[in-house]
Amino acid sequence: MENTKNEIQAIFKETCGTWQNCTEETVLHFLATCQSHNLDPQYCMNWLEEHKEQMAHWDEFSEAAQEWVNEHTASGTPYTMDYLDEGF
């Protein structure tokens, strides 16, 4: 678990830099990068929410970030078009 948090922190540093630099664009990039590293975007979103007090504009982009997570996961699991095509 500690390794996962360290990886999330490293991705955050790479994509957002500092809490003050967080914007909708950088946060969405952070979530996409987490997903590309096989980290659950919902887990990464929860990590961001734990630190929301440190982000000046969290309220302005938190909804967009949650929408991104919802679009890219289903029950916390990435989904594909194959899944959707099967009529589930």
N, C-alpha and C. Protein backbone atom coordinates (compact mmCIF):
# COMPACT_ATOMS: atom_id res chain seq x y z
N MET A 1 0.81 -1.19 0.00
CA MET A 1 0.00 0.00 0.00
C MET A 1 0.86 1.27 0.00
N GLU A 2 1.96 1.21 0.76
CA GLU A 2 2.85 2.37 0.82
C GLU A 2 3.49 2.63 -0.55
N ASN A 3 3.84 1.57 -1.27
CA ASN A 3 4.39 1.72 -2.62
C ASN A 3 3.39 2.39 -3.54
N THR A 4 2.11 2.03 -3.42
CA THR A 4 1.07 2.63 -4.25
C THR A 4 0.97 4.12 -3.96
N LYS A 5 0.97 4.49 -2.69
CA LYS A 5 0.89 5.91 -2.34
C LYS A 5 2.12 6.67 -2.85
N ASN A 6 3.28 6.04 -2.76
CA ASN A 6 4.50 6.68 -3.28
C ASN A 6 4.39 6.88 -4.79
N GLU A 7 3.84 5.88 -5.49
CA GLU A 7 3.67 6.00 -6.94
C GLU A 7 2.68 7.10 -7.28
N ILE A 8 1.59 7.16 -6.53
CA ILE A 8 0.59 8.22 -6.75
C ILE A 8 1.23 9.59 -6.52
N GLN A 9 2.00 9.72 -5.46
CA GLN A 9 2.66 11.00 -5.18
C GLN A 9 3.63 11.38 -6.29
N ALA A 10 4.35 10.40 -6.82
CA ALA A 10 5.30 10.67 -7.91
C ALA A 10 4.54 11.12 -9.16
N ILE A 11 3.42 10.46 -9.46
CA ILE A 11 2.62 10.85 -10.62
C ILE A 11 2.06 12.25 -10.41
N PHE A 12 1.61 12.53 -9.21
CA PHE A 12 1.08 13.87 -8.91
C PHE A 12 2.14 14.94 -9.14
N LYS A 13 3.35 14.67 -8.64
CA LYS A 13 4.45 15.63 -8.82
C LYS A 13 4.74 15.87 -10.29
N GLU A 14 4.68 14.78 -11.07
CA GLU A 14 4.97 14.87 -12.51
C GLU A 14 3.86 15.61 -13.27
N THR A 15 2.61 15.39 -12.90
CA THR A 15 1.50 15.95 -13.67
C THR A 15 1.00 17.29 -13.15
N CYS A 16 1.00 17.47 -11.83
CA CYS A 16 0.47 18.70 -11.24
C CYS A 16 1.56 19.58 -10.65
N GLY A 17 2.61 18.96 -10.18
CA GLY A 17 3.70 19.72 -9.56
C GLY A 17 3.43 19.99 -8.10
N THR A 18 2.59 20.98 -7.84
CA THR A 18 2.26 21.35 -6.47
C THR A 18 0.74 21.46 -6.35
N TRP A 19 0.26 21.48 -5.12
CA TRP A 19 -1.18 21.62 -4.89
C TRP A 19 -1.70 22.93 -5.49
N GLN A 20 -0.89 23.97 -5.44
CA GLN A 20 -1.31 25.27 -5.95
C GLN A 20 -1.45 25.27 -7.47
N ASN A 21 -0.76 24.36 -8.15
CA ASN A 21 -0.82 24.29 -9.61
C ASN A 21 -1.97 23.44 -10.13
N CYS A 22 -2.76 22.85 -9.23
CA CYS A 22 -3.84 21.97 -9.66
C CYS A 22 -4.92 22.76 -10.41
N THR A 23 -5.21 22.26 -11.60
CA THR A 23 -6.30 22.80 -12.41
C THR A 23 -7.09 21.60 -12.92
N GLU A 24 -8.18 21.86 -13.57
CA GLU A 24 -8.94 20.75 -14.15
C GLU A 24 -8.06 19.96 -15.11
N GLU A 25 -7.31 20.64 -15.94
CA GLU A 25 -6.45 19.99 -16.93
C GLU A 25 -5.38 19.10 -16.26
N THR A 26 -4.70 19.63 -15.24
CA THR A 26 -3.64 18.85 -14.61
C THR A 26 -4.21 17.66 -13.82
N VAL A 27 -5.36 17.85 -13.20
CA VAL A 27 -5.97 16.76 -12.43
C VAL A 27 -6.45 15.65 -13.36
N LEU A 28 -7.03 16.01 -14.50
CA LEU A 28 -7.47 14.99 -15.46
C LEU A 28 -6.26 14.25 -16.03
N HIS A 29 -5.18 14.97 -16.26
CA HIS A 29 -3.93 14.34 -16.72
C HIS A 29 -3.40 13.39 -15.64
N PHE A 30 -3.47 13.81 -14.38
CA PHE A 30 -3.06 12.97 -13.26
C PHE A 30 -3.86 11.67 -13.25
N LEU A 31 -5.18 11.76 -13.38
CA LEU A 31 -6.03 10.56 -13.36
C LEU A 31 -5.72 9.63 -14.54
N ALA A 32 -5.53 10.21 -15.72
CA ALA A 32 -5.21 9.40 -16.90
C ALA A 32 -3.85 8.72 -16.73
N THR A 33 -2.90 9.43 -16.15
CA THR A 33 -1.57 8.85 -15.93
C THR A 33 -1.65 7.73 -14.90
N CYS A 34 -2.44 7.93 -13.86
CA CYS A 34 -2.64 6.86 -12.87
C CYS A 34 -3.18 5.62 -13.57
N GLN A 35 -4.19 5.81 -14.41
CA GLN A 35 -4.79 4.67 -15.11
C GLN A 35 -3.76 3.98 -16.01
N SER A 36 -2.93 4.76 -16.68
CA SER A 36 -1.92 4.17 -17.58
C SER A 36 -0.86 3.39 -16.80
N HIS A 37 -0.74 3.68 -15.50
CA HIS A 37 0.18 2.94 -14.63
C HIS A 37 -0.55 1.82 -13.87
N ASN A 38 -1.73 1.47 -14.38
CA ASN A 38 -2.55 0.40 -13.78
C ASN A 38 -2.95 0.67 -12.34
N LEU A 39 -3.14 1.95 -12.03
CA LEU A 39 -3.68 2.33 -10.73
C LEU A 39 -5.15 2.68 -10.92
N ASP A 40 -5.98 2.24 -10.01
CA ASP A 40 -7.41 2.50 -10.10
C ASP A 40 -7.67 4.01 -10.01
N PRO A 41 -8.26 4.60 -11.06
CA PRO A 41 -8.52 6.04 -11.02
C PRO A 41 -9.40 6.47 -9.85
N GLN A 42 -10.33 5.61 -9.42
CA GLN A 42 -11.17 5.97 -8.28
C GLN A 42 -10.33 6.07 -7.01
N TYR A 43 -9.37 5.16 -6.85
CA TYR A 43 -8.47 5.23 -5.71
C TYR A 43 -7.66 6.53 -5.75
N CYS A 44 -7.18 6.89 -6.94
CA CYS A 44 -6.41 8.12 -7.09
C CYS A 44 -7.28 9.35 -6.84
N MET A 45 -8.54 9.28 -7.26
CA MET A 45 -9.49 10.36 -7.00
C MET A 45 -9.71 10.50 -5.50
N ASN A 46 -9.85 9.39 -4.81
CA ASN A 46 -10.01 9.44 -3.36
C ASN A 46 -8.79 10.07 -2.69
N TRP A 47 -7.61 9.75 -3.22
CA TRP A 47 -6.38 10.33 -2.69
C TRP A 47 -6.40 11.85 -2.86
N LEU A 48 -6.85 12.31 -4.04
CA LEU A 48 -6.96 13.75 -4.26
C LEU A 48 -7.93 14.38 -3.26
N GLU A 49 -9.08 13.72 -3.07
CA GLU A 49 -10.09 14.26 -2.16
C GLU A 49 -9.57 14.37 -0.73
N GLU A 50 -8.67 13.48 -0.35
CA GLU A 50 -8.06 13.55 0.98
C GLU A 50 -7.24 14.83 1.13
N HIS A 51 -6.81 15.40 0.01
CA HIS A 51 -5.96 16.59 0.03
C HIS A 51 -6.67 17.83 -0.53
N LYS A 52 -7.97 17.76 -0.67
CA LYS A 52 -8.70 18.85 -1.34
C LYS A 52 -8.53 20.21 -0.66
N GLU A 53 -8.31 20.22 0.64
CA GLU A 53 -8.14 21.48 1.35
C GLU A 53 -6.89 22.23 0.89
N GLN A 54 -5.95 21.51 0.31
CA GLN A 54 -4.70 22.12 -0.14
C GLN A 54 -4.81 22.70 -1.55
N MET A 55 -5.93 22.40 -2.23
CA MET A 55 -6.13 22.87 -3.61
C MET A 55 -7.11 24.03 -3.60
N ALA A 56 -6.66 25.19 -4.02
CA ALA A 56 -7.46 26.40 -3.95
C ALA A 56 -8.74 26.31 -4.77
N HIS A 57 -8.71 25.61 -5.89
CA HIS A 57 -9.86 25.61 -6.80
C HIS A 57 -10.53 24.25 -6.91
N TRP A 58 -10.39 23.40 -5.90
CA TRP A 58 -10.94 22.05 -5.94
C TRP A 58 -12.41 22.05 -6.33
N ASP A 59 -13.19 22.94 -5.75
CA ASP A 59 -14.63 22.97 -6.02
C ASP A 59 -14.93 23.24 -7.49
N GLU A 60 -14.03 23.92 -8.18
CA GLU A 60 -14.25 24.27 -9.58
C GLU A 60 -14.07 23.08 -10.52
N PHE A 61 -13.24 22.10 -10.13
CA PHE A 61 -12.98 21.00 -11.05
C PHE A 61 -13.20 19.61 -10.46
N SER A 62 -13.61 19.50 -9.23
CA SER A 62 -13.80 18.18 -8.63
C SER A 62 -14.91 17.39 -9.33
N GLU A 63 -15.95 18.08 -9.76
CA GLU A 63 -17.04 17.40 -10.47
C GLU A 63 -16.55 16.85 -11.81
N ALA A 64 -15.76 17.62 -12.54
CA ALA A 64 -15.22 17.16 -13.82
C ALA A 64 -14.29 15.96 -13.60
N ALA A 65 -13.53 15.99 -12.52
CA ALA A 65 -12.63 14.87 -12.22
C ALA A 65 -13.43 13.61 -11.92
N GLN A 66 -14.51 13.75 -11.13
CA GLN A 66 -15.33 12.58 -10.81
C GLN A 66 -16.02 12.06 -12.06
N GLU A 67 -16.45 12.94 -12.94
CA GLU A 67 -17.07 12.52 -14.21
C GLU A 67 -16.06 11.73 -15.03
N TRP A 68 -14.82 12.18 -15.07
CA TRP A 68 -13.78 11.46 -15.81
C TRP A 68 -13.64 10.05 -15.25
N VAL A 69 -13.57 9.95 -13.94
CA VAL A 69 -13.45 8.63 -13.30
C VAL A 69 -14.64 7.75 -13.67
N ASN A 70 -15.84 8.31 -13.61
CA ASN A 70 -17.03 7.54 -13.94
C ASN A 70 -17.02 7.06 -15.39
N GLU A 71 -16.53 7.89 -16.29
CA GLU A 71 -16.48 7.53 -17.71
C GLU A 71 -15.43 6.46 -18.00
N HIS A 72 -14.39 6.41 -17.19
CA HIS A 72 -13.27 5.51 -17.46
C HIS A 72 -13.26 4.27 -16.58
N THR A 73 -14.23 4.14 -15.72
CA THR A 73 -14.31 2.96 -14.87
C THR A 73 -15.78 2.54 -14.75
N ALA A 74 -15.96 1.30 -14.41
CA ALA A 74 -17.30 0.78 -14.10
C ALA A 74 -17.14 -0.07 -12.85
N SER A 75 -17.72 0.36 -11.79
CA SER A 75 -17.57 -0.33 -10.50
C SER A 75 -16.10 -0.44 -10.11
N GLY A 76 -15.33 0.59 -10.42
CA GLY A 76 -13.92 0.59 -10.06
C GLY A 76 -13.04 -0.21 -11.00
N THR A 77 -13.61 -0.76 -12.07
CA THR A 77 -12.86 -1.58 -13.01
C THR A 77 -12.91 -0.95 -14.39
N PRO A 78 -11.77 -0.81 -15.05
CA PRO A 78 -11.81 -0.27 -16.41
C PRO A 78 -12.71 -1.14 -17.29
N TYR A 79 -13.46 -0.51 -18.15
CA TYR A 79 -14.33 -1.25 -19.06
C TYR A 79 -13.92 -0.99 -20.49
N THR A 80 -14.35 -1.88 -21.38
CA THR A 80 -13.99 -1.75 -22.78
C THR A 80 -15.24 -1.76 -23.63
N MET A 81 -15.10 -1.43 -24.88
CA MET A 81 -16.24 -1.46 -25.79
C MET A 81 -16.74 -2.90 -25.97
N ASP A 82 -15.86 -3.88 -25.89
CA ASP A 82 -16.28 -5.28 -25.99
C ASP A 82 -17.32 -5.60 -24.93
N TYR A 83 -17.08 -5.11 -23.75
CA TYR A 83 -18.01 -5.34 -22.64
C TYR A 83 -19.35 -4.70 -22.96
N LEU A 84 -19.31 -3.48 -23.47
CA LEU A 84 -20.55 -2.78 -23.79
C LEU A 84 -21.29 -3.46 -24.95
N ASP A 85 -20.54 -3.97 -25.92
CA ASP A 85 -21.16 -4.61 -27.08
C ASP A 85 -21.86 -5.92 -26.73
N GLU A 86 -21.48 -6.54 -25.63
CA GLU A 86 -22.08 -7.80 -25.25
C GLU A 86 -23.45 -7.63 -24.60
N GLY A 87 -23.86 -6.42 -24.41
CA GLY A 87 -25.20 -6.15 -23.90
C GLY A 87 -25.36 -6.31 -22.40
N PHE A 88 -24.27 -6.28 -21.66
CA PHE A 88 -24.38 -6.38 -20.21
C PHE A 88 -24.85 -5.08 -19.63
